[in-house]
Amino acid sequence: MALAFSPLAFPTIVTPYGIAAVIILMAFAPDTKTNLLVACVAYFILFLDWLAMLAAHVLVRWLGPLLLLLGVILGVTQVALGLELMIAGISGPIAQGAFTGSGN
């Protein structure tokens, strides 16, 4: 039970930033009804995770190669998006002459 909780459940299924998001949403909720809604949404997401884990062996058996291909495509897309954001972030200072050596 300890092995199922510590290396598997806590950092991967129930992530630290997910817990932080729920805490922040609960803290800023104006009333009890909104707190209950946030809790219900969090439990619903955990329920969907549980259902996905129950069906994972079937999905991986039938869709394994397709999921690997999708992972590669999304990984390359994420790298391209990151590079595009870095280039867009540095193009502003270049256009303003920040790297011209004029001493400004």
PDB file of N, CA and C in Angstrom:
ATOM      1  N   MET A   1       0.826  -1.198   0.000  1.00  0.00           N
ATOM      2  CA  MET A   1       0.000   0.000   0.000  1.00  0.00           C
ATOM      3  C   MET A   1       0.866   1.256   0.000  1.00  0.00           C
ATOM      4  N   ALA A   2       1.979   1.216   0.740  1.00  0.00           N
ATOM      5  CA  ALA A   2       2.860   2.382   0.779  1.00  0.00           C
ATOM      6  C   ALA A   2       3.507   2.623  -0.582  1.00  0.00           C
ATOM      7  N   LEU A   3       3.860   1.544  -1.290  1.00  0.00           N
ATOM      8  CA  LEU A   3       4.449   1.706  -2.616  1.00  0.00           C
ATOM      9  C   LEU A   3       3.439   2.258  -3.615  1.00  0.00           C
ATOM     10  N   ALA A   4       2.186   1.906  -3.463  1.00  0.00           N
ATOM     11  CA  ALA A   4       1.167   2.433  -4.369  1.00  0.00           C
ATOM     12  C   ALA A   4       0.915   3.910  -4.115  1.00  0.00           C
ATOM     13  N   PHE A   5       1.078   4.339  -2.887  1.00  0.00           N
ATOM     14  CA  PHE A   5       0.812   5.738  -2.572  1.00  0.00           C
ATOM     15  C   PHE A   5       2.000   6.632  -2.900  1.00  0.00           C
ATOM     16  N   SER A   6       3.168   6.304  -2.370  1.00  0.00           N
ATOM     17  CA  SER A   6       4.286   7.228  -2.437  1.00  0.00           C
ATOM     18  C   SER A   6       4.872   7.434  -3.836  1.00  0.00           C
ATOM     19  N   PRO A   7       5.394   6.412  -4.514  1.00  0.00           N
ATOM     20  CA  PRO A   7       5.996   6.741  -5.801  1.00  0.00           C
ATOM     21  C   PRO A   7       5.000   6.833  -6.949  1.00  0.00           C
ATOM     22  N   LEU A   8       3.795   6.303  -6.773  1.00  0.00           N
ATOM     23  CA  LEU A   8       2.861   6.271  -7.895  1.00  0.00           C
ATOM     24  C   LEU A   8       1.745   7.306  -7.753  1.00  0.00           C
ATOM     25  N   ALA A   9       0.977   7.212  -6.688  1.00  0.00           N
ATOM     26  CA  ALA A   9      -0.240   8.032  -6.581  1.00  0.00           C
ATOM     27  C   ALA A   9       0.065   9.499  -6.352  1.00  0.00           C
ATOM     28  N   PHE A  10       0.967   9.810  -5.425  1.00  0.00           N
ATOM     29  CA  PHE A  10       1.128  11.221  -5.076  1.00  0.00           C
ATOM     30  C   PHE A  10       1.766  12.055  -6.179  1.00  0.00           C
ATOM     31  N   PRO A  11       2.923  11.750  -6.676  1.00  0.00           N
ATOM     32  CA  PRO A  11       3.461  12.708  -7.649  1.00  0.00           C
ATOM     33  C   PRO A  11       2.892  12.575  -9.059  1.00  0.00           C
ATOM     34  N   THR A  12       2.283  11.452  -9.411  1.00  0.00           N
ATOM     35  CA  THR A  12       1.824  11.300 -10.788  1.00  0.00           C
ATOM     36  C   THR A  12       0.321  11.478 -10.953  1.00  0.00           C
ATOM     37  N   ILE A  13      -0.485  10.862 -10.108  1.00  0.00           N
ATOM     38  CA  ILE A  13      -1.935  10.964 -10.258  1.00  0.00           C
ATOM     39  C   ILE A  13      -2.450  12.225  -9.564  1.00  0.00           C
ATOM     40  N   VAL A  14      -2.078  12.401  -8.320  1.00  0.00           N
ATOM     41  CA  VAL A  14      -2.453  13.602  -7.564  1.00  0.00           C
ATOM     42  C   VAL A  14      -1.195  14.464  -7.488  1.00  0.00           C
ATOM     43  N   THR A  15      -1.067  15.374  -8.447  1.00  0.00           N
ATOM     44  CA  THR A  15       0.164  16.156  -8.569  1.00  0.00           C
ATOM     45  C   THR A  15       0.198  17.292  -7.549  1.00  0.00           C
ATOM     46  N   PRO A  16       1.406  17.736  -7.167  1.00  0.00           N
ATOM     47  CA  PRO A  16       1.507  18.852  -6.220  1.00  0.00           C
ATOM     48  C   PRO A  16       0.864  20.137  -6.744  1.00  0.00           C
ATOM     49  N   TYR A  17       1.029  20.436  -8.030  1.00  0.00           N
ATOM     50  CA  TYR A  17       0.406  21.654  -8.551  1.00  0.00           C
ATOM     51  C   TYR A  17      -1.104  21.489  -8.690  1.00  0.00           C
ATOM     52  N   GLY A  18      -1.579  20.267  -8.839  1.00  0.00           N
ATOM     53  CA  GLY A  18      -3.024  20.036  -8.827  1.00  0.00           C
ATOM     54  C   GLY A  18      -3.609  20.284  -7.445  1.00  0.00           C
ATOM     55  N   ILE A  19      -2.903  19.812  -6.427  1.00  0.00           N
ATOM     56  CA  ILE A  19      -3.336  20.063  -5.050  1.00  0.00           C
ATOM     57  C   ILE A  19      -3.313  21.555  -4.756  1.00  0.00           C
ATOM     58  N   ALA A  20      -2.252  22.238  -5.227  1.00  0.00           N
ATOM     59  CA  ALA A  20      -2.160  23.685  -5.010  1.00  0.00           C
ATOM     60  C   ALA A  20      -3.302  24.419  -5.701  1.00  0.00           C
ATOM     61  N   ALA A  21      -3.667  23.991  -6.905  1.00  0.00           N
ATOM     62  CA  ALA A  21      -4.770  24.644  -7.616  1.00  0.00           C
ATOM     63  C   ALA A  21      -6.086  24.466  -6.873  1.00  0.00           C
ATOM     64  N   VAL A  22      -6.331  23.261  -6.350  1.00  0.00           N
ATOM     65  CA  VAL A  22      -7.567  23.028  -5.592  1.00  0.00           C
ATOM     66  C   VAL A  22      -7.577  23.869  -4.317  1.00  0.00           C
ATOM     67  N   ILE A  23      -6.444  23.953  -3.630  1.00  0.00           N
ATOM     68  CA  ILE A  23      -6.368  24.767  -2.406  1.00  0.00           C
ATOM     69  C   ILE A  23      -6.636  26.237  -2.721  1.00  0.00           C
ATOM     70  N   ILE A  24      -6.054  26.745  -3.799  1.00  0.00           N
ATOM     71  CA  ILE A  24      -6.266  28.149  -4.164  1.00  0.00           C
ATOM     72  C   ILE A  24      -7.721  28.394  -4.545  1.00  0.00           C
ATOM     73  N   LEU A  25      -8.301  27.491  -5.323  1.00  0.00           N
ATOM     74  CA  LEU A  25      -9.709  27.665  -5.701  1.00  0.00           C
ATOM     75  C   LEU A  25     -10.629  27.598  -4.486  1.00  0.00           C
ATOM     76  N   MET A  26     -10.316  26.711  -3.539  1.00  0.00           N
ATOM     77  CA  MET A  26     -11.127  26.627  -2.323  1.00  0.00           C
ATOM     78  C   MET A  26     -10.959  27.884  -1.460  1.00  0.00           C
ATOM     79  N   ALA A  27      -9.738  28.426  -1.415  1.00  0.00           N
ATOM     80  CA  ALA A  27      -9.500  29.614  -0.589  1.00  0.00           C
ATOM     81  C   ALA A  27     -10.201  30.842  -1.147  1.00  0.00           C
ATOM     82  N   PHE A  28     -10.281  30.956  -2.466  1.00  0.00           N
ATOM     83  CA  PHE A  28     -10.897  32.132  -3.074  1.00  0.00           C
ATOM     84  C   PHE A  28     -12.381  31.955  -3.362  1.00  0.00           C
ATOM     85  N   ALA A  29     -12.936  30.813  -3.019  1.00  0.00           N
ATOM     86  CA  ALA A  29     -14.368  30.588  -3.246  1.00  0.00           C
ATOM     87  C   ALA A  29     -15.183  31.492  -2.321  1.00  0.00           C
ATOM     88  N   PRO A  30     -16.188  32.164  -2.870  1.00  0.00           N
ATOM     89  CA  PRO A  30     -16.938  33.123  -2.054  1.00  0.00           C
ATOM     90  C   PRO A  30     -17.914  32.489  -1.063  1.00  0.00           C
ATOM     91  N   ASP A  31     -18.353  31.265  -1.331  1.00  0.00           N
ATOM     92  CA  ASP A  31     -19.341  30.659  -0.438  1.00  0.00           C
ATOM     93  C   ASP A  31     -19.160  29.140  -0.400  1.00  0.00           C
ATOM     94  N   THR A  32     -19.951  28.501   0.429  1.00  0.00           N
ATOM     95  CA  THR A  32     -19.855  27.057   0.604  1.00  0.00           C
ATOM     96  C   THR A  32     -20.288  26.307  -0.657  1.00  0.00           C
ATOM     97  N   LYS A  33     -21.234  26.860  -1.379  1.00  0.00           N
ATOM     98  CA  LYS A  33     -21.691  26.210  -2.609  1.00  0.00           C
ATOM     99  C   LYS A  33     -20.557  26.109  -3.626  1.00  0.00           C
ATOM    100  N   THR A  34     -19.774  27.145  -3.753  1.00  0.00           N
ATOM    101  CA  THR A  34     -18.643  27.121  -4.677  1.00  0.00           C
ATOM    102  C   THR A  34     -17.565  26.164  -4.192  1.00  0.00           C
ATOM    103  N   ASN A  35     -17.332  26.108  -2.886  1.00  0.00           N
ATOM    104  CA  ASN A  35     -16.384  25.135  -2.332  1.00  0.00           C
ATOM    105  C   ASN A  35     -16.824  23.715  -2.664  1.00  0.00           C
ATOM    106  N   LEU A  36     -18.110  23.449  -2.530  1.00  0.00           N
ATOM    107  CA  LEU A  36     -18.632  22.122  -2.853  1.00  0.00           C
ATOM    108  C   LEU A  36     -18.487  21.818  -4.337  1.00  0.00           C
ATOM    109  N   LEU A  37     -18.700  22.809  -5.191  1.00  0.00           N
ATOM    110  CA  LEU A  37     -18.544  22.622  -6.625  1.00  0.00           C
ATOM    111  C   LEU A  37     -17.089  22.299  -6.988  1.00  0.00           C
ATOM    112  N   VAL A  38     -16.135  23.003  -6.387  1.00  0.00           N
ATOM    113  CA  VAL A  38     -14.715  22.743  -6.636  1.00  0.00           C
ATOM    114  C   VAL A  38     -14.359  21.326  -6.188  1.00  0.00           C
ATOM    115  N   ALA A  39     -14.842  20.929  -5.022  1.00  0.00           N
ATOM    116  CA  ALA A  39     -14.564  19.579  -4.526  1.00  0.00           C
ATOM    117  C   ALA A  39     -15.182  18.521  -5.435  1.00  0.00           C
ATOM    118  N   CYS A  40     -16.409  18.755  -5.903  1.00  0.00           N
ATOM    119  CA  CYS A  40     -17.058  17.797  -6.798  1.00  0.00           C
ATOM    120  C   CYS A  40     -16.300  17.674  -8.120  1.00  0.00           C
ATOM    121  N   VAL A  41     -15.832  18.777  -8.670  1.00  0.00           N
ATOM    122  CA  VAL A  41     -15.068  18.731  -9.918  1.00  0.00           C
ATOM    123  C   VAL A  41     -13.759  17.974  -9.706  1.00  0.00           C
ATOM    124  N   ALA A  42     -13.078  18.212  -8.581  1.00  0.00           N
ATOM    125  CA  ALA A  42     -11.828  17.506  -8.292  1.00  0.00           C
ATOM    126  C   ALA A  42     -12.078  16.007  -8.156  1.00  0.00           C
ATOM    127  N   TYR A  43     -13.132  15.625  -7.444  1.00  0.00           N
ATOM    128  CA  TYR A  43     -13.447  14.201  -7.302  1.00  0.00           C
ATOM    129  C   TYR A  43     -13.873  13.580  -8.634  1.00  0.00           C
ATOM    130  N   PHE A  44     -14.559  14.320  -9.470  1.00  0.00           N
ATOM    131  CA  PHE A  44     -14.952  13.814 -10.786  1.00  0.00           C
ATOM    132  C   PHE A  44     -13.727  13.551 -11.655  1.00  0.00           C
ATOM    133  N   ILE A  45     -12.757  14.456 -11.606  1.00  0.00           N
ATOM    134  CA  ILE A  45     -11.521  14.258 -12.365  1.00  0.00           C
ATOM    135  C   ILE A  45     -10.773  13.033 -11.851  1.00  0.00           C
ATOM    136  N   LEU A  46     -10.710  12.857 -10.538  1.00  0.00           N
ATOM    137  CA  LEU A  46     -10.071  11.663  -9.985  1.00  0.00           C
ATOM    138  C   LEU A  46     -10.826  10.392 -10.387  1.00  0.00           C
ATOM    139  N   PHE A  47     -12.146  10.457 -10.452  1.00  0.00           N
ATOM    140  CA  PHE A  47     -12.946   9.317 -10.897  1.00  0.00           C
ATOM    141  C   PHE A  47     -12.642   8.978 -12.358  1.00  0.00           C
ATOM    142  N   LEU A  48     -12.514  10.003 -13.202  1.00  0.00           N
ATOM    143  CA  LEU A  48     -12.157   9.764 -14.599  1.00  0.00           C
ATOM    144  C   LEU A  48     -10.760   9.163 -14.716  1.00  0.00           C
ATOM    145  N   ASP A  49      -9.828   9.611 -13.868  1.00  0.00           N
ATOM    146  CA  ASP A  49      -8.491   9.007 -13.840  1.00  0.00           C
ATOM    147  C   ASP A  49      -8.569   7.534 -13.473  1.00  0.00           C
ATOM    148  N   TRP A  50      -9.397   7.205 -12.492  1.00  0.00           N
ATOM    149  CA  TRP A  50      -9.556   5.814 -12.067  1.00  0.00           C
ATOM    150  C   TRP A  50     -10.122   4.960 -13.202  1.00  0.00           C
ATOM    151  N   LEU A  51     -11.130   5.501 -13.907  1.00  0.00           N
ATOM    152  CA  LEU A  51     -11.695   4.764 -15.038  1.00  0.00           C
ATOM    153  C   LEU A  51     -10.656   4.560 -16.141  1.00  0.00           C
ATOM    154  N   ALA A  52      -9.846   5.586 -16.380  1.00  0.00           N
ATOM    155  CA  ALA A  52      -8.807   5.463 -17.402  1.00  0.00           C
ATOM    156  C   ALA A  52      -7.775   4.414 -17.012  1.00  0.00           C
ATOM    157  N   MET A  53      -7.450   4.325 -15.726  1.00  0.00           N
ATOM    158  CA  MET A  53      -6.499   3.303 -15.288  1.00  0.00           C
ATOM    159  C   MET A  53      -7.095   1.906 -15.414  1.00  0.00           C
ATOM    160  N   LEU A  54      -8.393   1.773 -15.189  1.00  0.00           N
ATOM    161  CA  LEU A  54      -9.031   0.467 -15.338  1.00  0.00           C
ATOM    162  C   LEU A  54      -9.024   0.005 -16.796  1.00  0.00           C
ATOM    163  N   ALA A  55      -9.146   0.939 -17.720  1.00  0.00           N
ATOM    164  CA  ALA A  55      -9.206   0.594 -19.137  1.00  0.00           C
ATOM    165  C   ALA A  55      -7.857   0.721 -19.837  1.00  0.00           C
ATOM    166  N   ALA A  56      -6.818   1.068 -19.107  1.00  0.00           N
ATOM    167  CA  ALA A  56      -5.526   1.356 -19.744  1.00  0.00           C
ATOM    168  C   ALA A  56      -4.941   0.142 -20.446  1.00  0.00           C
ATOM    169  N   HIS A  57      -5.033  -1.033 -19.842  1.00  0.00           N
ATOM    170  CA  HIS A  57      -4.422  -2.206 -20.482  1.00  0.00           C
ATOM    171  C   HIS A  57      -5.094  -2.537 -21.801  1.00  0.00           C
ATOM    172  N   VAL A  58      -6.386  -2.330 -21.893  1.00  0.00           N
ATOM    173  CA  VAL A  58      -7.093  -2.583 -23.150  1.00  0.00           C
ATOM    174  C   VAL A  58      -6.719  -1.526 -24.186  1.00  0.00           C
ATOM    175  N   LEU A  59      -6.690  -0.270 -23.765  1.00  0.00           N
ATOM    176  CA  LEU A  59      -6.345   0.807 -24.693  1.00  0.00           C
ATOM    177  C   LEU A  59      -4.924   0.671 -25.208  1.00  0.00           C
ATOM    178  N   VAL A  60      -3.995   0.328 -24.323  1.00  0.00           N
ATOM    179  CA  VAL A  60      -2.600   0.200 -24.737  1.00  0.00           C
ATOM    180  C   VAL A  60      -2.425  -0.999 -25.669  1.00  0.00           C
ATOM    181  N   ARG A  61      -3.144  -2.069 -25.422  1.00  0.00           N
ATOM    182  CA  ARG A  61      -3.033  -3.249 -26.278  1.00  0.00           C
ATOM    183  C   ARG A  61      -3.491  -2.926 -27.701  1.00  0.00           C
ATOM    184  N   TRP A  62      -4.589  -2.212 -27.837  1.00  0.00           N
ATOM    185  CA  TRP A  62      -5.132  -1.948 -29.166  1.00  0.00           C
ATOM    186  C   TRP A  62      -4.584  -0.669 -29.795  1.00  0.00           C
ATOM    187  N   LEU A  63      -4.302   0.333 -28.983  1.00  0.00           N
ATOM    188  CA  LEU A  63      -3.890   1.628 -29.529  1.00  0.00           C
ATOM    189  C   LEU A  63      -2.439   1.981 -29.205  1.00  0.00           C
ATOM    190  N   GLY A  64      -1.641   1.020 -28.743  1.00  0.00           N
ATOM    191  CA  GLY A  64      -0.269   1.289 -28.327  1.00  0.00           C
ATOM    192  C   GLY A  64       0.576   1.997 -29.364  1.00  0.00           C
ATOM    193  N   PRO A  65       0.721   1.448 -30.586  1.00  0.00           N
ATOM    194  CA  PRO A  65       1.548   2.125 -31.592  1.00  0.00           C
ATOM    195  C   PRO A  65       1.017   3.503 -31.976  1.00  0.00           C
ATOM    196  N   LEU A  66      -0.304   3.636 -32.045  1.00  0.00           N
ATOM    197  CA  LEU A  66      -0.884   4.938 -32.360  1.00  0.00           C
ATOM    198  C   LEU A  66      -0.599   5.953 -31.255  1.00  0.00           C
ATOM    199  N   LEU A  67      -0.666   5.514 -30.004  1.00  0.00           N
ATOM    200  CA  LEU A  67      -0.368   6.414 -28.893  1.00  0.00           C
ATOM    201  C   LEU A  67       1.104   6.812 -28.873  1.00  0.00           C
ATOM    202  N   LEU A  68       2.004   5.886 -29.233  1.00  0.00           N
ATOM    203  CA  LEU A  68       3.423   6.232 -29.332  1.00  0.00           C
ATOM    204  C   LEU A  68       3.662   7.278 -30.417  1.00  0.00           C
ATOM    205  N   LEU A  69       3.018   7.094 -31.554  1.00  0.00           N
ATOM    206  CA  LEU A  69       3.142   8.065 -32.639  1.00  0.00           C
ATOM    207  C   LEU A  69       2.584   9.420 -32.225  1.00  0.00           C
ATOM    208  N   LEU A  70       1.448   9.406 -31.565  1.00  0.00           N
ATOM    209  CA  LEU A  70       0.854  10.654 -31.084  1.00  0.00           C
ATOM    210  C   LEU A  70       1.767  11.339 -30.078  1.00  0.00           C
ATOM    211  N   GLY A  71       2.422  10.556 -29.208  1.00  0.00           N
ATOM    212  CA  GLY A  71       3.360  11.132 -28.248  1.00  0.00           C
ATOM    213  C   GLY A  71       4.539  11.798 -28.928  1.00  0.00           C
ATOM    214  N   VAL A  72       5.064  11.175 -29.976  1.00  0.00           N
ATOM    215  CA  VAL A  72       6.184  11.771 -30.716  1.00  0.00           C
ATOM    216  C   VAL A  72       5.738  13.055 -31.407  1.00  0.00           C
ATOM    217  N   ILE A  73       4.576  13.022 -32.045  1.00  0.00           N
ATOM    218  CA  ILE A  73       4.071  14.212 -32.741  1.00  0.00           C
ATOM    219  C   ILE A  73       3.846  15.360 -31.759  1.00  0.00           C
ATOM    220  N   LEU A  74       3.229  15.065 -30.614  1.00  0.00           N
ATOM    221  CA  LEU A  74       2.984  16.123 -29.625  1.00  0.00           C
ATOM    222  C   LEU A  74       4.281  16.626 -29.008  1.00  0.00           C
ATOM    223  N   GLY A  75       5.263  15.738 -28.834  1.00  0.00           N
ATOM    224  CA  GLY A  75       6.562  16.160 -28.297  1.00  0.00           C
ATOM    225  C   GLY A  75       7.278  17.114 -29.238  1.00  0.00           C
ATOM    226  N   VAL A  76       7.296  16.782 -30.529  1.00  0.00           N
ATOM    227  CA  VAL A  76       7.929  17.658 -31.521  1.00  0.00           C
ATOM    228  C   VAL A  76       7.184  18.989 -31.607  1.00  0.00           C
ATOM    229  N   THR A  77       5.864  18.929 -31.551  1.00  0.00           N
ATOM    230  CA  THR A  77       5.068  20.153 -31.579  1.00  0.00           C
ATOM    231  C   THR A  77       5.357  21.029 -30.368  1.00  0.00           C
ATOM    232  N   GLN A  78       5.529  20.414 -29.197  1.00  0.00           N
ATOM    233  CA  GLN A  78       5.830  21.177 -27.987  1.00  0.00           C
ATOM    234  C   GLN A  78       7.201  21.839 -28.080  1.00  0.00           C
ATOM    235  N   VAL A  79       8.179  21.130 -28.619  1.00  0.00           N
ATOM    236  CA  VAL A  79       9.508  21.727 -28.802  1.00  0.00           C
ATOM    237  C   VAL A  79       9.433  22.892 -29.780  1.00  0.00           C
ATOM    238  N   ALA A  80       8.696  22.717 -30.878  1.00  0.00           N
ATOM    239  CA  ALA A  80       8.565  23.794 -31.862  1.00  0.00           C
ATOM    240  C   ALA A  80       7.863  25.010 -31.263  1.00  0.00           C
ATOM    241  N   LEU A  81       6.837  24.782 -30.459  1.00  0.00           N
ATOM    242  CA  LEU A  81       6.139  25.895 -29.821  1.00  0.00           C
ATOM    243  C   LEU A  81       7.058  26.612 -28.835  1.00  0.00           C
ATOM    244  N   GLY A  82       7.843  25.851 -28.080  1.00  0.00           N
ATOM    245  CA  GLY A  82       8.786  26.479 -27.157  1.00  0.00           C
ATOM    246  C   GLY A  82       9.816  27.323 -27.874  1.00  0.00           C
ATOM    247  N   LEU A  83      10.356  26.808 -28.981  1.00  0.00           N
ATOM    248  CA  LEU A  83      11.319  27.590 -29.756  1.00  0.00           C
ATOM    249  C   LEU A  83      10.677  28.843 -30.343  1.00  0.00           C
ATOM    250  N   GLU A  84       9.451  28.707 -30.828  1.00  0.00           N
ATOM    251  CA  GLU A  84       8.758  29.870 -31.370  1.00  0.00           C
ATOM    252  C   GLU A  84       8.538  30.942 -30.303  1.00  0.00           C
ATOM    253  N   LEU A  85       8.178  30.523 -29.090  1.00  0.00           N
ATOM    254  CA  LEU A  85       7.987  31.493 -28.008  1.00  0.00           C
ATOM    255  C   LEU A  85       9.302  32.155 -27.609  1.00  0.00           C
ATOM    256  N   MET A  86      10.395  31.385 -27.596  1.00  0.00           N
ATOM    257  CA  MET A  86      11.690  31.987 -27.268  1.00  0.00           C
ATOM    258  C   MET A  86      12.117  32.992 -28.334  1.00  0.00           C
ATOM    259  N   ILE A  87      11.927  32.646 -29.594  1.00  0.00           N
ATOM    260  CA  ILE A  87      12.285  33.561 -30.684  1.00  0.00           C
ATOM    261  C   ILE A  87      11.419  34.812 -30.641  1.00  0.00           C
ATOM    262  N   ALA A  88      10.126  34.642 -30.372  1.00  0.00           N
ATOM    263  CA  ALA A  88       9.234  35.803 -30.274  1.00  0.00           C
ATOM    264  C   ALA A  88       9.601  36.667 -29.074  1.00  0.00           C
ATOM    265  N   GLY A  89      10.052  36.039 -27.990  1.00  0.00           N
ATOM    266  CA  GLY A  89      10.426  36.810 -26.805  1.00  0.00           C
ATOM    267  C   GLY A  89      11.694  37.616 -26.985  1.00  0.00           C
ATOM    268  N   ILE A  90      12.623  37.100 -27.776  1.00  0.00           N
ATOM    269  CA  ILE A  90      13.877  37.824 -27.966  1.00  0.00           C
ATOM    270  C   ILE A  90      13.824  38.764 -29.172  1.00  0.00           C
ATOM    271  N   SER A  91      12.854  38.578 -30.062  1.00  0.00           N
ATOM    272  CA  SER A  91      12.776  39.450 -31.235  1.00  0.00           C
ATOM    273  C   SER A  91      12.377  40.874 -30.859  1.00  0.00           C
ATOM    274  N   GLY A  92      11.647  41.041 -29.772  1.00  0.00           N
ATOM    275  CA  GLY A  92      11.286  42.389 -29.328  1.00  0.00           C
ATOM    276  C   GLY A  92      12.501  43.216 -28.937  1.00  0.00           C
ATOM    277  N   PRO A  93      13.387  42.717 -28.040  1.00  0.00           N
ATOM    278  CA  PRO A  93      14.592  43.480 -27.711  1.00  0.00           C
ATOM    279  C   PRO A  93      15.525  43.664 -28.904  1.00  0.00           C
ATOM    280  N   ILE A  94      15.590  42.702 -29.830  1.00  0.00           N
ATOM    281  CA  ILE A  94      16.440  42.863 -31.010  1.00  0.00           C
ATOM    282  C   ILE A  94      15.890  43.985 -31.885  1.00  0.00           C
ATOM    283  N   ALA A  95      14.573  44.020 -32.055  1.00  0.00           N
ATOM    284  CA  ALA A  95      13.960  45.067 -32.878  1.00  0.00           C
ATOM    285  C   ALA A  95      14.140  46.447 -32.260  1.00  0.00           C
ATOM    286  N   GLN A  96      14.244  46.509 -30.945  1.00  0.00           N
ATOM    287  CA  GLN A  96      14.427  47.790 -30.257  1.00  0.00           C
ATOM    288  C   GLN A  96      15.895  48.192 -30.197  1.00  0.00           C
ATOM    289  N   GLY A  97      16.784  47.357 -30.689  1.00  0.00           N
ATOM    290  CA  GLY A  97      18.201  47.693 -30.725  1.00  0.00           C
ATOM    291  C   GLY A  97      18.939  47.404 -29.429  1.00  0.00           C
ATOM    292  N   ALA A  98      18.500  46.454 -28.649  1.00  0.00           N
ATOM    293  CA  ALA A  98      19.126  46.172 -27.359  1.00  0.00           C
ATOM    294  C   ALA A  98      20.496  45.526 -27.524  1.00  0.00           C
ATOM    295  N   PHE A  99      20.756  44.867 -28.638  1.00  0.00           N
ATOM    296  CA  PHE A  99      22.013  44.146 -28.822  1.00  0.00           C
ATOM    297  C   PHE A  99      22.895  44.788 -29.894  1.00  0.00           C
ATOM    298  N   THR A 100      22.748  46.075 -30.121  1.00  0.00           N
ATOM    299  CA  THR A 100      23.521  46.740 -31.191  1.00  0.00           C
ATOM    300  C   THR A 100      24.859  47.242 -30.704  1.00  0.00           C
ATOM    301  N   GLY A 101      25.063  47.286 -29.382  1.00  0.00           N
ATOM    302  CA  GLY A 101      26.353  47.752 -28.858  1.00  0.00           C
ATOM    303  C   GLY A 101      26.474  49.267 -28.858  1.00  0.00           C
ATOM    304  N   SER A 102      25.359  49.980 -28.886  1.00  0.00           N
ATOM    305  CA  SER A 102      25.403  51.437 -28.888  1.00  0.00           C
ATOM    306  C   SER A 102      25.638  52.024 -27.512  1.00  0.00           C
ATOM    307  N   GLY A 103      25.668  51.155 -26.485  1.00  0.00           N
ATOM    308  CA  GLY A 103      25.938  51.641 -25.136  1.00  0.00           C
ATOM    309  C   GLY A 103      24.700  52.079 -24.382  1.00  0.00           C
ATOM    310  N   ASN A 104      23.533  51.896 -24.931  1.00  0.00           N
ATOM    311  CA  ASN A 104      22.294  52.284 -24.243  1.00  0.00           C
ATOM    312  C   ASN A 104      21.873  51.267 -23.269  1.00  0.00           C
TER     313      ASN A 104
END
